[in-house]
Structure formats: structure tokens, C-alpha cells
Amino acid sequence: MRLETERLLLRSPRLEDAGAFAAMYADPEVMEFIGGVAETIDMEFVVGRWLERWDANGFGPLVVARREGGEPLGRSGLLVWDTRDWHVATLVEAGEHAQPELGWAFARAAWGHGYATEAARAVRDWARNELGIGRLISVIAPGNARSIRVAERLGAVPGELVELFDSSAAVVWEHP
């Protein structure tokens, strides 16, 4: 899978991407609202999970890199929530309770350049036009001002407040 924007290349993940994401996943500021930093991070396991999501759902996270230079900046893509208890699942596992989510996470050095908005817009358009996904949401922690601004730039509107599987609160933003 490959998408291109004016400045970015979004592509399917590969196991060899693990090293490029290790620093990002170890950064407490980056991970503050998306699970926190674990004591030990097995990035090959993380990237392996991304690949499993692709196999199970036909979509998943994409590596986002600059078109010039190709260095990874972060990730953007789709995952599935089971809305019965708001945990990450597959389309089959969640069945009629499956809800696709548009998400993004970028290394701190990539913040403030519009990359998250540009990448998420490309993924949103792909989800709508190629995958035929109707309702598309972003699940964002109430204190995550950066992601809230990205959602607003994409035209998403805040909806219900939900409690995620790990007992953290999140707002369900709905994309137009």
C-alpha cells in the first residue's frame, strides 16, 4: 500500500521499520496520550502487530515519511475499535460493534509542520474512496490539544465522551 501527498509518502510498514520508531515510542511527550512509555519497548512486536492488523482488516497503520529523503516521521492509518468496551479489535472480532478509527502519531521533531494533518487527510480520503468506509472517527484524549487541532483542521466534530478499555477517557471525534 502506498499513498503520496505533496510532501509525504505513506506506505505499508515493514519489520525493518522497528528501529526508526524506537525513539518515538520511548519519548514520554509523544506517548503521553497514546498509552504512555513502557519500561521495555519491543518495536519489532509493535510493527508485527501493525502487520497483523493489515492481514486481519485489509488496512492498518502506515509509515509516514518525507518524499525527499524518505526518513520516517511517524505513522497514520486506520484501526478498529470494538465499541462494546472500547478496545482495539479486528473487524471480525468486533462484528457489528466494529468502528474504524483514523489515527496518527509523529516524532516530536515532526510536530508543528502540518504533517499529521496532511497524512491523516490522505488516509481519510483513501478510507472513504477506496475502502468505502462510511463512519470514521478519531478517539482523542481530552487533554491532547495537538491531536484536537488536527481533528478540527480535518473538519471533525467532537461527540461522546467514552471510557476506553484501560479506564482512560477519550472523546469520539466524527469525521465529515
Protein backbone atom coordinates (compact mmCIF):
# COMPACT_ATOMS: atom_id res chain seq x y z
CA MET A 1 0.00 0.00 0.00
CA ARG A 2 1.30 3.43 -0.91
CA LEU A 3 -0.20 6.94 -0.78
CA GLU A 4 1.52 10.17 -1.75
CA THR A 5 0.82 13.79 -0.86
CA GLU A 6 2.65 16.93 -1.84
CA ARG A 7 5.33 16.40 0.82
CA LEU A 8 4.77 12.90 2.17
CA LEU A 9 4.93 9.24 1.28
CA LEU A 10 2.68 6.88 3.25
CA ARG A 11 3.50 3.21 2.86
CA SER A 12 2.86 -0.17 4.38
CA PRO A 13 5.02 -0.95 7.41
CA ARG A 14 7.88 -3.44 7.29
CA LEU A 15 9.59 -5.21 10.19
CA GLU A 16 12.77 -3.29 9.43
CA ASP A 17 10.91 -0.06 10.37
CA ALA A 18 11.15 -1.04 14.04
CA GLY A 19 14.43 0.80 14.62
CA ALA A 20 13.13 4.03 13.11
CA PHE A 21 10.24 4.11 15.61
CA ALA A 22 12.13 3.15 18.79
CA ALA A 23 12.98 6.74 19.82
CA MET A 24 9.46 7.96 19.08
CA TYR A 25 7.88 5.23 21.23
CA ALA A 26 10.36 5.94 24.05
CA ASP A 27 9.50 9.68 24.12
CA PRO A 28 7.15 10.45 27.05
CA GLU A 29 5.75 13.56 25.30
CA VAL A 30 4.89 11.64 22.14
CA MET A 31 3.34 8.75 24.07
CA GLU A 32 1.58 10.83 26.75
CA PHE A 33 -1.90 10.38 25.29
CA ILE A 34 -1.45 7.10 23.41
CA GLY A 35 -0.60 4.56 26.06
CA GLY A 36 2.49 6.02 27.69
CA VAL A 37 6.01 4.71 27.55
CA ALA A 38 6.52 1.09 28.53
CA GLU A 39 9.61 0.11 30.53
CA THR A 40 10.77 -2.04 27.65
CA ILE A 41 9.65 -1.49 24.09
CA ASP A 42 9.84 -4.33 21.63
CA MET A 43 9.37 -2.36 18.43
CA GLU A 44 9.53 -5.48 16.28
CA PHE A 45 6.49 -6.73 18.22
CA VAL A 46 4.73 -3.36 17.70
CA VAL A 47 5.40 -3.34 13.96
CA GLY A 48 4.39 -7.00 13.84
CA ARG A 49 1.02 -6.00 15.36
CA TRP A 50 0.62 -3.36 12.65
CA LEU A 51 1.18 -6.05 10.04
CA GLU A 52 -1.35 -8.34 11.76
CA ARG A 53 -3.94 -5.55 11.56
CA TRP A 54 -3.31 -5.27 7.83
CA ASP A 55 -3.77 -9.03 7.43
CA ALA A 56 -6.94 -9.11 9.55
CA ASN A 57 -8.69 -5.94 8.36
CA GLY A 58 -7.22 -5.08 4.97
CA PHE A 59 -5.96 -1.81 6.48
CA GLY A 60 -3.84 -0.59 9.37
CA PRO A 61 -1.09 1.88 10.25
CA LEU A 62 1.03 3.38 7.50
CA VAL A 63 4.59 4.65 7.89
CA VAL A 64 4.72 8.36 7.06
CA ALA A 65 7.97 9.65 5.56
CA ARG A 66 9.12 12.75 3.74
CA ARG A 67 9.06 12.29 -0.02
CA GLU A 68 12.51 13.90 -0.10
CA GLY A 69 14.93 11.84 1.94
CA GLY A 70 12.43 9.20 2.97
CA GLU A 71 13.10 9.37 6.71
CA PRO A 72 10.11 8.21 8.78
CA LEU A 73 8.29 10.99 10.62
CA GLY A 74 5.58 8.92 12.27
CA ARG A 75 2.52 6.89 11.44
CA SER A 76 -1.05 7.46 10.33
CA GLY A 77 -3.68 4.96 9.41
CA LEU A 78 -6.75 3.04 10.44
CA LEU A 79 -7.54 0.69 13.26
CA VAL A 80 -10.71 -0.88 14.59
CA TRP A 81 -12.35 -0.28 17.97
CA ASP A 82 -14.89 -2.64 19.50
CA THR A 83 -17.40 -0.13 20.85
CA ARG A 84 -18.80 -2.55 23.44
CA ASP A 85 -15.87 -1.83 25.73
CA TRP A 86 -13.68 0.42 23.55
CA HIS A 87 -10.74 -1.91 22.98
CA VAL A 88 -8.75 -2.36 19.79
CA ALA A 89 -10.00 -5.36 17.80
CA THR A 90 -10.35 -6.72 14.30
CA LEU A 91 -13.39 -6.30 12.08
CA VAL A 92 -14.29 -9.96 12.60
CA GLU A 93 -13.82 -9.88 16.40
CA ALA A 94 -15.91 -6.73 16.84
CA GLY A 95 -18.57 -7.70 14.28
CA GLU A 96 -21.42 -5.19 14.25
CA HIS A 97 -19.65 -3.22 17.00
CA ALA A 98 -16.59 -2.53 14.82
CA GLN A 99 -15.76 1.14 14.38
CA PRO A 100 -12.85 2.21 12.14
CA GLU A 101 -10.67 4.98 13.54
CA LEU A 102 -8.35 7.40 11.77
CA GLY A 103 -5.26 7.89 13.90
CA TRP A 104 -1.82 9.49 13.81
CA ALA A 105 1.34 9.78 15.89
CA PHE A 106 4.52 11.63 14.98
CA ALA A 107 8.00 12.08 16.41
CA ARG A 108 8.40 15.37 18.25
CA ALA A 109 10.81 16.69 15.61
CA ALA A 110 7.94 16.45 13.08
CA TRP A 111 5.46 18.44 15.20
CA GLY A 112 4.30 21.85 14.02
CA HIS A 113 4.83 21.29 10.28
CA GLY A 114 1.33 20.14 9.29
CA TYR A 115 2.48 16.59 8.57
CA ALA A 116 -0.18 14.95 10.77
CA THR A 117 -2.99 16.83 9.05
CA GLU A 118 -1.60 16.15 5.58
CA ALA A 119 -1.12 12.44 6.26
CA ALA A 120 -4.45 11.97 8.03
CA ARG A 121 -6.30 13.72 5.20
CA ALA A 122 -4.73 11.33 2.69
CA VAL A 123 -5.68 8.31 4.81
CA ARG A 124 -9.22 9.64 5.33
CA ASP A 125 -9.70 10.13 1.58
CA TRP A 126 -8.32 6.64 0.89
CA ALA A 127 -10.63 5.13 3.54
CA ARG A 128 -13.66 6.81 2.01
CA ASN A 129 -12.86 6.46 -1.70
CA GLU A 130 -11.04 3.14 -1.88
CA LEU A 131 -12.26 1.19 1.14
CA GLY A 132 -15.82 2.55 1.22
CA ILE A 133 -15.71 3.27 4.95
CA GLY A 134 -18.69 5.39 5.95
CA ARG A 135 -18.48 6.46 9.58
CA LEU A 136 -14.91 7.34 10.50
CA ILE A 137 -13.85 8.58 13.92
CA SER A 138 -10.76 9.65 15.84
CA VAL A 139 -10.55 8.76 19.53
CA ILE A 140 -8.69 11.58 21.29
CA ALA A 141 -7.86 12.18 24.96
CA PRO A 142 -9.48 15.43 26.16
CA GLY A 143 -6.08 16.95 27.04
CA ASN A 144 -4.41 16.17 23.72
CA ALA A 145 -4.53 19.69 22.27
CA ARG A 146 -2.30 18.85 19.27
CA SER A 147 -4.48 15.99 18.08
CA ILE A 148 -7.63 18.01 18.73
CA ARG A 149 -6.28 20.72 16.40
CA VAL A 150 -5.54 18.12 13.72
CA ALA A 151 -9.08 16.73 14.02
CA GLU A 152 -10.52 20.26 13.77
CA ARG A 153 -8.42 21.00 10.66
CA LEU A 154 -9.85 17.83 9.13
CA GLY A 155 -13.38 19.08 9.83
CA ALA A 156 -14.11 16.50 12.55
CA VAL A 157 -16.53 17.40 15.33
CA PRO A 158 -16.40 16.20 18.94
CA GLY A 159 -19.05 13.78 20.11
CA GLU A 160 -19.48 11.48 23.06
CA LEU A 161 -17.02 11.01 25.89
CA VAL A 162 -16.17 7.30 26.30
CA GLU A 163 -14.17 5.25 28.74
CA LEU A 164 -11.55 3.14 26.99
CA PHE A 165 -10.63 -0.41 27.99
CA ASP A 166 -7.75 0.93 30.11
CA SER A 167 -10.11 3.25 32.07
CA SER A 168 -8.88 6.40 30.37
CA ALA A 169 -11.38 8.90 29.00
CA ALA A 170 -11.50 9.90 25.33
CA VAL A 171 -13.68 12.00 23.08
CA VAL A 172 -15.01 10.40 19.90
CA TRP A 173 -14.43 12.87 17.05
CA GLU A 174 -16.52 12.20 13.94
CA HIS A 175 -15.10 12.99 10.50
CA PRO A 176 -17.32 14.51 7.82
